[in-house]
Amino acid sequence: MLQEYPTYQKNLLREYIQNSCLRIFNDSIYIRLSGNLTEIYDKWLYNNYIDSIYNAYKELLSLELKQPCNGIPNLYVYIVPDDNYAKLLSYPEKYNKWTGGWKPVKCYDIDWYLQAYGVSQNICINFPEKPIISRIENNIHELTHIICGQFAYKWTTISEWLAEAVPLFILDHEKQFTEHRDAILSLKQEDIFTASELFSSEKDNSFWTISVNPKKTCSFRYSYISSYLFVRWLLETIVEIKWLSKIWALQYFLELLKNSEYNRDWLMLDICDDLWLDANMVINWKNLQNRAILSVKESL
């Protein structure tokens, strides 16, 4: 009797990249896109958008994080057509409004990060020369996934936690992102997730849902804000107990994640063990996030 397999899904993005054209934006940014889209690219109509990605990338490179294998791969931007972007980028249906999108995707080039930056072309065209702070923060958020993903941190929510902490705390964009900072300072206790509740929200898929303002970016979801506060507190703890700068605290944390043998809840226990923290307090209490809120206030 033949074994039954799940329905096979054709790898549309791989096929698209195999048939794509390459454009070299500069020494750091490589662009892949279809032949039809190269006509638009060659008229420089995507330049503002790619410049914004490049500026975000430069900020992350300025941290001089030591990458695994001591390499700095090329960053690929995969620009895809509007009509099929959701399938090409494996865009989650629950966020798909058929208006375009952007997210890290698997990279199919060998001089690569593990992921490329995938984006639908309508997001790139006619992009403003000076993007607003929420978009700058979001660009750094997505690129943080790509760069920190080299450390194989094994866990969906921890990647989101870090992707918020790097632009807001490590790179200090919290100071300019006043709307987000005000959202943090206005939180009620019932709005804050404990680490344990964040773990559960990933399992039941509620991590991505409730937001301070549904019209804003993912940074305004209560889960993302709680995640940011939690990782901010962890990084500040590493600064204090290891006598490190913020950047070296991030490096320490990334290497801790990479070298851990555990995932999910056990990973958090491993982190607590390494940092000599009370796991029950860290995982089940909110006072750590409240300390981070106090730190945000003190930084004003």
C-alpha atoms as a PDB file:
ATOM      1  CA  MET A   1       0.000   0.000   0.000  1.00  0.00           C
ATOM      2  CA  LEU A   2       1.415   3.409  -0.971  1.00  0.00           C
ATOM      3  CA  GLN A   3       2.211   5.780   1.864  1.00  0.00           C
ATOM      4  CA  GLU A   4       0.131   8.941   1.812  1.00  0.00           C
ATOM      5  CA  TYR A   5       1.992  12.252   1.751  1.00  0.00           C
ATOM      6  CA  PRO A   6       0.751  15.792   2.355  1.00  0.00           C
ATOM      7  CA  THR A   7      -0.199  17.699  -0.774  1.00  0.00           C
ATOM      8  CA  TYR A   8       2.994  18.776  -2.547  1.00  0.00           C
ATOM      9  CA  GLN A   9       3.443  22.539  -2.818  1.00  0.00           C
ATOM     10  CA  LYS A  10       5.517  23.794  -5.722  1.00  0.00           C
ATOM     11  CA  ASN A  11       8.375  26.091  -4.637  1.00  0.00           C
ATOM     12  CA  LEU A  12       7.289  29.193  -6.511  1.00  0.00           C
ATOM     13  CA  LEU A  13       9.919  31.533  -5.060  1.00  0.00           C
ATOM     14  CA  ARG A  14      12.806  29.216  -5.971  1.00  0.00           C
ATOM     15  CA  GLU A  15      11.533  28.999  -9.543  1.00  0.00           C
ATOM     16  CA  TYR A  16      11.108  32.789  -9.667  1.00  0.00           C
ATOM     17  CA  ILE A  17      14.674  33.374  -8.455  1.00  0.00           C
ATOM     18  CA  GLN A  18      16.087  30.803 -10.867  1.00  0.00           C
ATOM     19  CA  ASN A  19      14.564  32.788 -13.734  1.00  0.00           C
ATOM     20  CA  SER A  20      15.276  36.240 -12.318  1.00  0.00           C
ATOM     21  CA  CYS A  21      17.690  38.979 -13.328  1.00  0.00           C
ATOM     22  CA  LEU A  22      20.430  40.288 -11.052  1.00  0.00           C
ATOM     23  CA  ARG A  23      21.108  43.940 -10.399  1.00  0.00           C
ATOM     24  CA  ILE A  24      23.911  45.122  -8.089  1.00  0.00           C
ATOM     25  CA  PHE A  25      22.702  48.194  -6.219  1.00  0.00           C
ATOM     26  CA  ASN A  26      26.040  48.671  -4.432  1.00  0.00           C
ATOM     27  CA  ASP A  27      28.759  46.609  -2.753  1.00  0.00           C
ATOM     28  CA  SER A  28      26.333  45.442  -0.059  1.00  0.00           C
ATOM     29  CA  ILE A  29      22.913  45.144  -1.705  1.00  0.00           C
ATOM     30  CA  TYR A  30      22.097  42.708  -4.516  1.00  0.00           C
ATOM     31  CA  ILE A  31      18.690  42.781  -6.195  1.00  0.00           C
ATOM     32  CA  ARG A  32      16.849  39.903  -7.874  1.00  0.00           C
ATOM     33  CA  LEU A  33      13.709  40.572  -9.877  1.00  0.00           C
ATOM     34  CA  SER A  34      11.891  39.448 -13.027  1.00  0.00           C
ATOM     35  CA  GLY A  35      12.760  40.747 -16.478  1.00  0.00           C
ATOM     36  CA  ASN A  36       9.601  42.883 -16.566  1.00  0.00           C
ATOM     37  CA  LEU A  37      10.481  44.551 -13.283  1.00  0.00           C
ATOM     38  CA  THR A  38      14.030  45.343 -14.391  1.00  0.00           C
ATOM     39  CA  GLU A  39      12.559  47.929 -16.773  1.00  0.00           C
ATOM     40  CA  ILE A  40      11.160  49.781 -13.759  1.00  0.00           C
ATOM     41  CA  TYR A  41      14.344  49.235 -11.715  1.00  0.00           C
ATOM     42  CA  ASP A  42      16.532  50.603 -14.520  1.00  0.00           C
ATOM     43  CA  LYS A  43      14.506  53.824 -14.466  1.00  0.00           C
ATOM     44  CA  TRP A  44      15.584  54.241 -10.793  1.00  0.00           C
ATOM     45  CA  LEU A  45      11.979  54.110  -9.586  1.00  0.00           C
ATOM     46  CA  TYR A  46      12.863  51.688  -6.778  1.00  0.00           C
ATOM     47  CA  ASN A  47      15.884  53.663  -5.575  1.00  0.00           C
ATOM     48  CA  ASN A  48      14.274  55.426  -2.609  1.00  0.00           C
ATOM     49  CA  TYR A  49      13.034  52.140  -1.222  1.00  0.00           C
ATOM     50  CA  ILE A  50      16.320  50.325  -1.672  1.00  0.00           C
ATOM     51  CA  ASP A  51      18.139  53.307  -0.163  1.00  0.00           C
ATOM     52  CA  SER A  52      15.936  52.954   2.919  1.00  0.00           C
ATOM     53  CA  ILE A  53      16.867  49.265   3.168  1.00  0.00           C
ATOM     54  CA  TYR A  54      20.534  50.114   2.710  1.00  0.00           C
ATOM     55  CA  ASN A  55      20.419  52.788   5.436  1.00  0.00           C
ATOM     56  CA  ALA A  56      18.809  50.329   7.851  1.00  0.00           C
ATOM     57  CA  TYR A  57      21.399  47.717   6.918  1.00  0.00           C
ATOM     58  CA  LYS A  58      24.253  50.188   7.527  1.00  0.00           C
ATOM     59  CA  GLU A  59      22.903  50.854  11.016  1.00  0.00           C
ATOM     60  CA  LEU A  60      22.971  47.155  11.800  1.00  0.00           C
ATOM     61  CA  LEU A  61      26.454  46.717  10.335  1.00  0.00           C
ATOM     62  CA  SER A  62      27.643  49.627  12.488  1.00  0.00           C
ATOM     63  CA  LEU A  63      27.098  47.397  15.528  1.00  0.00           C
ATOM     64  CA  GLU A  64      29.992  45.246  14.230  1.00  0.00           C
ATOM     65  CA  LEU A  65      28.443  42.050  15.536  1.00  0.00           C
ATOM     66  CA  LYS A  66      30.746  39.107  15.138  1.00  0.00           C
ATOM     67  CA  GLN A  67      28.934  36.739  12.788  1.00  0.00           C
ATOM     68  CA  PRO A  68      29.297  32.941  12.777  1.00  0.00           C
ATOM     69  CA  CYS A  69      32.256  31.996  10.553  1.00  0.00           C
ATOM     70  CA  ASN A  70      33.389  35.649  10.791  1.00  0.00           C
ATOM     71  CA  GLY A  71      31.626  36.428   7.519  1.00  0.00           C
ATOM     72  CA  ILE A  72      29.467  39.287   6.306  1.00  0.00           C
ATOM     73  CA  PRO A  73      27.428  37.807   3.434  1.00  0.00           C
ATOM     74  CA  ASN A  74      25.770  39.877   0.765  1.00  0.00           C
ATOM     75  CA  LEU A  75      22.238  41.048   1.457  1.00  0.00           C
ATOM     76  CA  TYR A  76      19.786  40.075  -1.265  1.00  0.00           C
ATOM     77  CA  VAL A  77      16.529  41.889  -1.908  1.00  0.00           C
ATOM     78  CA  TYR A  78      14.019  39.808  -3.861  1.00  0.00           C
ATOM     79  CA  ILE A  79      11.458  42.072  -5.578  1.00  0.00           C
ATOM     80  CA  VAL A  80       8.418  40.104  -6.732  1.00  0.00           C
ATOM     81  CA  PRO A  81       5.339  40.975  -8.851  1.00  0.00           C
ATOM     82  CA  ASP A  82       2.243  42.312  -7.132  1.00  0.00           C
ATOM     83  CA  ASP A  83      -0.209  39.776  -8.537  1.00  0.00           C
ATOM     84  CA  ASN A  84       1.410  36.739  -6.902  1.00  0.00           C
ATOM     85  CA  TYR A  85       3.379  38.256  -4.029  1.00  0.00           C
ATOM     86  CA  ALA A  86       1.475  36.418  -1.272  1.00  0.00           C
ATOM     87  CA  LYS A  87       2.387  32.979  -2.630  1.00  0.00           C
ATOM     88  CA  LEU A  88       5.916  33.934  -3.636  1.00  0.00           C
ATOM     89  CA  LEU A  89       6.692  35.403  -0.205  1.00  0.00           C
ATOM     90  CA  SER A  90       4.618  32.812   1.713  1.00  0.00           C
ATOM     91  CA  TYR A  91       2.728  35.732   3.185  1.00  0.00           C
ATOM     92  CA  PRO A  92       0.483  34.728   6.118  1.00  0.00           C
ATOM     93  CA  GLU A  93      -3.127  34.813   4.955  1.00  0.00           C
ATOM     94  CA  LYS A  94      -4.321  36.478   8.159  1.00  0.00           C
ATOM     95  CA  TYR A  95      -2.203  39.577   7.367  1.00  0.00           C
ATOM     96  CA  ASN A  96      -2.724  39.540   3.645  1.00  0.00           C
ATOM     97  CA  LYS A  97      -4.833  42.483   2.516  1.00  0.00           C
ATOM     98  CA  TRP A  98      -3.731  42.057  -1.126  1.00  0.00           C
ATOM     99  CA  THR A  99      -2.022  45.438  -1.005  1.00  0.00           C
ATOM    100  CA  GLY A 100       1.561  44.162  -1.059  1.00  0.00           C
ATOM    101  CA  GLY A 101       3.972  43.068   1.616  1.00  0.00           C
ATOM    102  CA  TRP A 102       7.532  42.512   2.768  1.00  0.00           C
ATOM    103  CA  LYS A 103       9.216  39.881   4.936  1.00  0.00           C
ATOM    104  CA  PRO A 104      12.359  37.753   5.219  1.00  0.00           C
ATOM    105  CA  VAL A 105      12.298  34.734   2.902  1.00  0.00           C
ATOM    106  CA  LYS A 106      14.642  31.853   2.160  1.00  0.00           C
ATOM    107  CA  CYS A 107      17.702  33.007   0.202  1.00  0.00           C
ATOM    108  CA  TYR A 108      18.595  30.983  -2.900  1.00  0.00           C
ATOM    109  CA  ASP A 109      21.958  32.649  -3.607  1.00  0.00           C
ATOM    110  CA  ILE A 110      25.191  31.092  -2.364  1.00  0.00           C
ATOM    111  CA  ASP A 111      26.907  34.322  -1.188  1.00  0.00           C
ATOM    112  CA  TRP A 112      24.052  34.767   1.179  1.00  0.00           C
ATOM    113  CA  TYR A 113      22.552  35.276   4.514  1.00  0.00           C
ATOM    114  CA  LEU A 114      20.232  32.396   5.278  1.00  0.00           C
ATOM    115  CA  GLN A 115      17.400  34.728   4.326  1.00  0.00           C
ATOM    116  CA  ALA A 116      16.785  37.414   1.738  1.00  0.00           C
ATOM    117  CA  TYR A 117      14.532  40.463   2.067  1.00  0.00           C
ATOM    118  CA  GLY A 118      11.423  39.747   0.012  1.00  0.00           C
ATOM    119  CA  VAL A 119       9.119  42.575  -1.068  1.00  0.00           C
ATOM    120  CA  SER A 120       6.346  43.181  -3.593  1.00  0.00           C
ATOM    121  CA  GLN A 121       7.224  45.761  -6.228  1.00  0.00           C
ATOM    122  CA  ASN A 122       4.334  48.125  -5.432  1.00  0.00           C
ATOM    123  CA  ILE A 123       5.882  48.750  -2.008  1.00  0.00           C
ATOM    124  CA  CYS A 124       9.137  49.801  -3.698  1.00  0.00           C
ATOM    125  CA  ILE A 125       7.816  52.134  -6.358  1.00  0.00           C
ATOM    126  CA  ASN A 126       7.270  55.812  -5.502  1.00  0.00           C
ATOM    127  CA  PHE A 127       8.600  55.261  -1.978  1.00  0.00           C
ATOM    128  CA  PRO A 128       9.246  58.578  -0.153  1.00  0.00           C
ATOM    129  CA  GLU A 129      12.799  59.874  -0.032  1.00  0.00           C
ATOM    130  CA  LYS A 130      12.523  60.371   3.741  1.00  0.00           C
ATOM    131  CA  PRO A 131      10.438  57.569   5.322  1.00  0.00           C
ATOM    132  CA  ILE A 132       8.680  58.079   8.652  1.00  0.00           C
ATOM    133  CA  ILE A 133      10.190  56.642  11.837  1.00  0.00           C
ATOM    134  CA  SER A 134       7.770  53.695  12.037  1.00  0.00           C
ATOM    135  CA  ARG A 135       8.941  52.501   8.622  1.00  0.00           C
ATOM    136  CA  ILE A 136      12.606  53.014   9.511  1.00  0.00           C
ATOM    137  CA  GLU A 137      12.089  50.944  12.657  1.00  0.00           C
ATOM    138  CA  ASN A 138      10.230  48.260  10.718  1.00  0.00           C
ATOM    139  CA  ASN A 139      12.996  48.011   8.097  1.00  0.00           C
ATOM    140  CA  ILE A 140      15.559  47.462  10.851  1.00  0.00           C
ATOM    141  CA  HIS A 141      13.167  44.973  12.493  1.00  0.00           C
ATOM    142  CA  GLU A 142      13.002  42.829   9.338  1.00  0.00           C
ATOM    143  CA  LEU A 143      16.748  43.046   8.665  1.00  0.00           C
ATOM    144  CA  THR A 144      17.429  42.078  12.288  1.00  0.00           C
ATOM    145  CA  HIS A 145      15.630  38.809  11.555  1.00  0.00           C
ATOM    146  CA  ILE A 146      18.027  38.208   8.673  1.00  0.00           C
ATOM    147  CA  ILE A 147      21.245  39.124  10.494  1.00  0.00           C
ATOM    148  CA  CYS A 148      20.445  37.588  13.869  1.00  0.00           C
ATOM    149  CA  GLY A 149      19.026  34.538  12.107  1.00  0.00           C
ATOM    150  CA  GLN A 150      22.634  33.577  11.326  1.00  0.00           C
ATOM    151  CA  PHE A 151      22.881  32.577  14.980  1.00  0.00           C
ATOM    152  CA  ALA A 152      20.090  29.995  14.522  1.00  0.00           C
ATOM    153  CA  TYR A 153      18.029  31.095  17.472  1.00  0.00           C
ATOM    154  CA  LYS A 154      15.508  28.289  16.898  1.00  0.00           C
ATOM    155  CA  TRP A 155      12.360  29.977  18.131  1.00  0.00           C
ATOM    156  CA  THR A 156       9.756  32.121  16.391  1.00  0.00           C
ATOM    157  CA  THR A 157       8.854  34.434  19.247  1.00  0.00           C
ATOM    158  CA  ILE A 158      12.415  34.984  20.475  1.00  0.00           C
ATOM    159  CA  SER A 159      13.243  36.229  16.970  1.00  0.00           C
ATOM    160  CA  GLU A 160      10.385  38.735  17.182  1.00  0.00           C
ATOM    161  CA  TRP A 161      11.524  39.782  20.656  1.00  0.00           C
ATOM    162  CA  LEU A 162      15.005  40.545  19.370  1.00  0.00           C
ATOM    163  CA  ALA A 163      13.776  42.196  16.181  1.00  0.00           C
ATOM    164  CA  GLU A 164      12.079  44.838  18.326  1.00  0.00           C
ATOM    165  CA  ALA A 165      14.872  45.230  20.874  1.00  0.00           C
ATOM    166  CA  VAL A 166      17.616  45.910  18.320  1.00  0.00           C
ATOM    167  CA  PRO A 167      16.128  49.030  16.647  1.00  0.00           C
ATOM    168  CA  LEU A 168      14.392  50.400  19.729  1.00  0.00           C
ATOM    169  CA  PHE A 169      16.952  49.718  22.469  1.00  0.00           C
ATOM    170  CA  ILE A 170      20.326  48.868  20.926  1.00  0.00           C
ATOM    171  CA  LEU A 171      20.100  51.518  18.181  1.00  0.00           C
ATOM    172  CA  ASP A 172      18.112  53.998  20.332  1.00  0.00           C
ATOM    173  CA  HIS A 173      15.276  54.589  17.850  1.00  0.00           C
ATOM    174  CA  GLU A 174      12.905  54.540  20.782  1.00  0.00           C
ATOM    175  CA  LYS A 175      13.858  58.187  21.349  1.00  0.00           C
ATOM    176  CA  GLN A 176      12.497  59.212  17.928  1.00  0.00           C
ATOM    177  CA  PHE A 177       9.625  56.713  17.846  1.00  0.00           C
ATOM    178  CA  THR A 178       7.630  58.760  20.346  1.00  0.00           C
ATOM    179  CA  GLU A 179       4.268  57.248  19.392  1.00  0.00           C
ATOM    180  CA  HIS A 180       5.547  53.788  20.321  1.00  0.00           C
ATOM    181  CA  ARG A 181       7.190  55.057  23.496  1.00  0.00           C
ATOM    182  CA  ASP A 182       3.906  56.703  24.531  1.00  0.00           C
ATOM    183  CA  ALA A 183       2.099  53.404  23.939  1.00  0.00           C
ATOM    184  CA  ILE A 184       4.556  51.705  26.318  1.00  0.00           C
ATOM    185  CA  LEU A 185       4.116  54.363  29.005  1.00  0.00           C
ATOM    186  CA  SER A 186       0.327  54.113  28.807  1.00  0.00           C
ATOM    187  CA  LEU A 187       0.196  50.330  29.322  1.00  0.00           C
ATOM    188  CA  LYS A 188      -2.079  48.907  31.990  1.00  0.00           C
ATOM    189  CA  GLN A 189      -0.958  45.829  33.905  1.00  0.00           C
ATOM    190  CA  GLU A 190      -3.521  43.675  32.123  1.00  0.00           C
ATOM    191  CA  ASP A 191      -1.979  44.728  28.780  1.00  0.00           C
ATOM    192  CA  ILE A 192       1.398  43.202  29.669  1.00  0.00           C
ATOM    193  CA  PHE A 193       2.188  39.561  28.815  1.00  0.00           C
ATOM    194  CA  THR A 194       4.448  37.473  31.045  1.00  0.00           C
ATOM    195  CA  ALA A 195       7.064  35.350  29.290  1.00  0.00           C
ATOM    196  CA  SER A 196       4.937  32.303  30.035  1.00  0.00           C
ATOM    197  CA  GLU A 197       1.913  33.916  28.396  1.00  0.00           C
ATOM    198  CA  LEU A 198       4.044  34.831  25.384  1.00  0.00           C
ATOM    199  CA  PHE A 199       5.116  31.178  25.075  1.00  0.00           C
ATOM    200  CA  SER A 200       1.476  30.092  25.158  1.00  0.00           C
ATOM    201  CA  SER A 201       0.407  32.751  22.676  1.00  0.00           C
ATOM    202  CA  GLU A 202       2.845  31.356  20.122  1.00  0.00           C
ATOM    203  CA  LYS A 203       1.446  27.862  20.579  1.00  0.00           C
ATOM    204  CA  ASP A 204      -2.208  28.908  20.195  1.00  0.00           C
ATOM    205  CA  ASN A 205      -1.381  31.494  17.492  1.00  0.00           C
ATOM    206  CA  SER A 206      -2.697  34.445  19.511  1.00  0.00           C
ATOM    207  CA  PHE A 207       0.760  36.112  19.653  1.00  0.00           C
ATOM    208  CA  TRP A 208       0.030  37.978  16.444  1.00  0.00           C
ATOM    209  CA  THR A 209      -3.452  39.311  17.138  1.00  0.00           C
ATOM    210  CA  ILE A 210      -4.363  42.026  19.684  1.00  0.00           C
ATOM    211  CA  SER A 211      -2.912  45.479  19.003  1.00  0.00           C
ATOM    212  CA  VAL A 212      -2.892  48.900  20.641  1.00  0.00           C
ATOM    213  CA  ASN A 213      -3.883  50.213  17.218  1.00  0.00           C
ATOM    214  CA  PRO A 214      -4.704  47.712  14.435  1.00  0.00           C
ATOM    215  CA  LYS A 215      -3.789  50.310  11.801  1.00  0.00           C
ATOM    216  CA  LYS A 216      -0.200  50.517  13.051  1.00  0.00           C
ATOM    217  CA  THR A 217       2.760  48.203  12.428  1.00  0.00           C
ATOM    218  CA  CYS A 218       3.384  44.963  14.320  1.00  0.00           C
ATOM    219  CA  SER A 219       5.381  46.957  16.897  1.00  0.00           C
ATOM    220  CA  PHE A 220       2.074  48.090  18.397  1.00  0.00           C
ATOM    221  CA  ARG A 221       0.762  44.598  19.172  1.00  0.00           C
ATOM    222  CA  TYR A 222       0.615  44.000  22.908  1.00  0.00           C
ATOM    223  CA  SER A 223       2.618  40.797  22.511  1.00  0.00           C
ATOM    224  CA  TYR A 224       5.381  42.606  20.618  1.00  0.00           C
ATOM    225  CA  ILE A 225       5.528  45.392  23.200  1.00  0.00           C
ATOM    226  CA  SER A 226       5.727  42.872  26.058  1.00  0.00           C
ATOM    227  CA  SER A 227       8.366  40.935  24.125  1.00  0.00           C
ATOM    228  CA  TYR A 228      10.407  44.075  23.592  1.00  0.00           C
ATOM    229  CA  LEU A 229      10.227  45.012  27.263  1.00  0.00           C
ATOM    230  CA  PHE A 230      11.233  41.499  28.276  1.00  0.00           C
ATOM    231  CA  VAL A 231      14.301  41.380  26.020  1.00  0.00           C
ATOM    232  CA  ARG A 232      15.235  44.955  26.893  1.00  0.00           C
ATOM    233  CA  TRP A 233      15.275  43.894  30.568  1.00  0.00           C
ATOM    234  CA  LEU A 234      17.342  40.783  29.725  1.00  0.00           C
ATOM    235  CA  LEU A 235      19.899  42.818  27.765  1.00  0.00           C
ATOM    236  CA  GLU A 236      20.123  45.432  30.529  1.00  0.00           C
ATOM    237  CA  THR A 237      20.670  42.573  32.994  1.00  0.00           C
ATOM    238  CA  ILE A 238      23.532  41.234  30.862  1.00  0.00           C
ATOM    239  CA  VAL A 239      25.024  44.752  30.749  1.00  0.00           C
ATOM    240  CA  GLU A 240      24.896  44.879  34.555  1.00  0.00           C
ATOM    241  CA  ILE A 241      26.080  41.402  35.557  1.00  0.00           C
ATOM    242  CA  LYS A 242      28.622  40.883  32.754  1.00  0.00           C
ATOM    243  CA  TRP A 243      29.945  44.467  32.711  1.00  0.00           C
ATOM    244  CA  LEU A 244      29.316  44.810  28.986  1.00  0.00           C
ATOM    245  CA  SER A 245      28.131  47.555  26.645  1.00  0.00           C
ATOM    246  CA  LYS A 246      24.680  47.247  25.082  1.00  0.00           C
ATOM    247  CA  ILE A 247      26.185  45.974  21.832  1.00  0.00           C
ATOM    248  CA  TRP A 248      28.348  43.365  23.533  1.00  0.00           C
ATOM    249  CA  ALA A 249      25.341  42.335  25.620  1.00  0.00           C
ATOM    250  CA  LEU A 250      23.507  41.670  22.356  1.00  0.00           C
ATOM    251  CA  GLN A 251      26.502  39.690  21.057  1.00  0.00           C
ATOM    252  CA  TYR A 252      26.573  37.663  24.285  1.00  0.00           C
ATOM    253  CA  PHE A 253      22.838  36.965  24.077  1.00  0.00           C
ATOM    254  CA  LEU A 254      23.007  35.871  20.423  1.00  0.00           C
ATOM    255  CA  GLU A 255      25.873  33.494  21.147  1.00  0.00           C
ATOM    256  CA  LEU A 256      23.994  32.169  24.167  1.00  0.00           C
ATOM    257  CA  LEU A 257      21.012  31.391  21.927  1.00  0.00           C
ATOM    258  CA  LYS A 258      23.202  29.817  19.236  1.00  0.00           C
ATOM    259  CA  ASN A 259      25.083  27.588  21.659  1.00  0.00           C
ATOM    260  CA  SER A 260      22.085  26.397  23.641  1.00  0.00           C
ATOM    261  CA  GLU A 261      20.909  22.848  23.017  1.00  0.00           C
ATOM    262  CA  TYR A 262      17.304  23.735  23.841  1.00  0.00           C
ATOM    263  CA  ASN A 263      14.193  25.248  22.273  1.00  0.00           C
ATOM    264  CA  ARG A 264      11.166  27.130  23.586  1.00  0.00           C
ATOM    265  CA  ASP A 265      10.499  26.828  27.343  1.00  0.00           C
ATOM    266  CA  TRP A 266      13.676  24.843  27.985  1.00  0.00           C
ATOM    267  CA  LEU A 267      15.687  27.485  26.149  1.00  0.00           C
ATOM    268  CA  MET A 268      14.422  30.124  28.571  1.00  0.00           C
ATOM    269  CA  LEU A 269      15.421  27.921  31.508  1.00  0.00           C
ATOM    270  CA  ASP A 270      18.882  27.587  29.958  1.00  0.00           C
ATOM    271  CA  ILE A 271      19.149  31.374  29.609  1.00  0.00           C
ATOM    272  CA  CYS A 272      18.137  31.851  33.245  1.00  0.00           C
ATOM    273  CA  ASP A 273      20.705  29.283  34.336  1.00  0.00           C
ATOM    274  CA  ASP A 274      23.497  31.028  32.426  1.00  0.00           C
ATOM    275  CA  LEU A 275      22.578  34.452  33.808  1.00  0.00           C
ATOM    276  CA  TRP A 276      21.968  33.218  37.390  1.00  0.00           C
ATOM    277  CA  LEU A 277      18.335  34.302  37.308  1.00  0.00           C
ATOM    278  CA  ASP A 278      15.314  32.923  39.141  1.00  0.00           C
ATOM    279  CA  ALA A 279      13.487  31.131  36.317  1.00  0.00           C
ATOM    280  CA  ASN A 280      10.092  31.266  38.001  1.00  0.00           C
ATOM    281  CA  MET A 281      10.350  35.029  38.488  1.00  0.00           C
ATOM    282  CA  VAL A 282      11.615  35.606  34.938  1.00  0.00           C
ATOM    283  CA  ILE A 283       9.000  33.433  33.233  1.00  0.00           C
ATOM    284  CA  ASN A 284       5.892  33.996  35.325  1.00  0.00           C
ATOM    285  CA  TRP A 285       6.105  37.533  36.734  1.00  0.00           C
ATOM    286  CA  LYS A 286       5.514  40.939  35.097  1.00  0.00           C
ATOM    287  CA  ASN A 287       7.780  42.979  37.352  1.00  0.00           C
ATOM    288  CA  LEU A 288      10.671  42.521  34.905  1.00  0.00           C
ATOM    289  CA  GLN A 289       8.707  44.187  32.108  1.00  0.00           C
ATOM    290  CA  ASN A 290       7.700  46.882  34.607  1.00  0.00           C
ATOM    291  CA  ARG A 291      11.377  47.493  35.345  1.00  0.00           C
ATOM    292  CA  ALA A 292      11.936  47.924  31.630  1.00  0.00           C
ATOM    293  CA  ILE A 293       9.086  50.466  31.491  1.00  0.00           C
ATOM    294  CA  LEU A 294      10.809  52.363  34.305  1.00  0.00           C
ATOM    295  CA  SER A 295      14.026  52.272  32.287  1.00  0.00           C
ATOM    296  CA  VAL A 296      12.160  53.733  29.310  1.00  0.00           C
ATOM    297  CA  LYS A 297      10.879  56.569  31.526  1.00  0.00           C
ATOM    298  CA  GLU A 298      14.345  57.242  32.913  1.00  0.00           C
ATOM    299  CA  SER A 299      15.777  57.470  29.398  1.00  0.00           C
ATOM    300  CA  LEU A 300      13.531  60.439  28.496  1.00  0.00           C
END
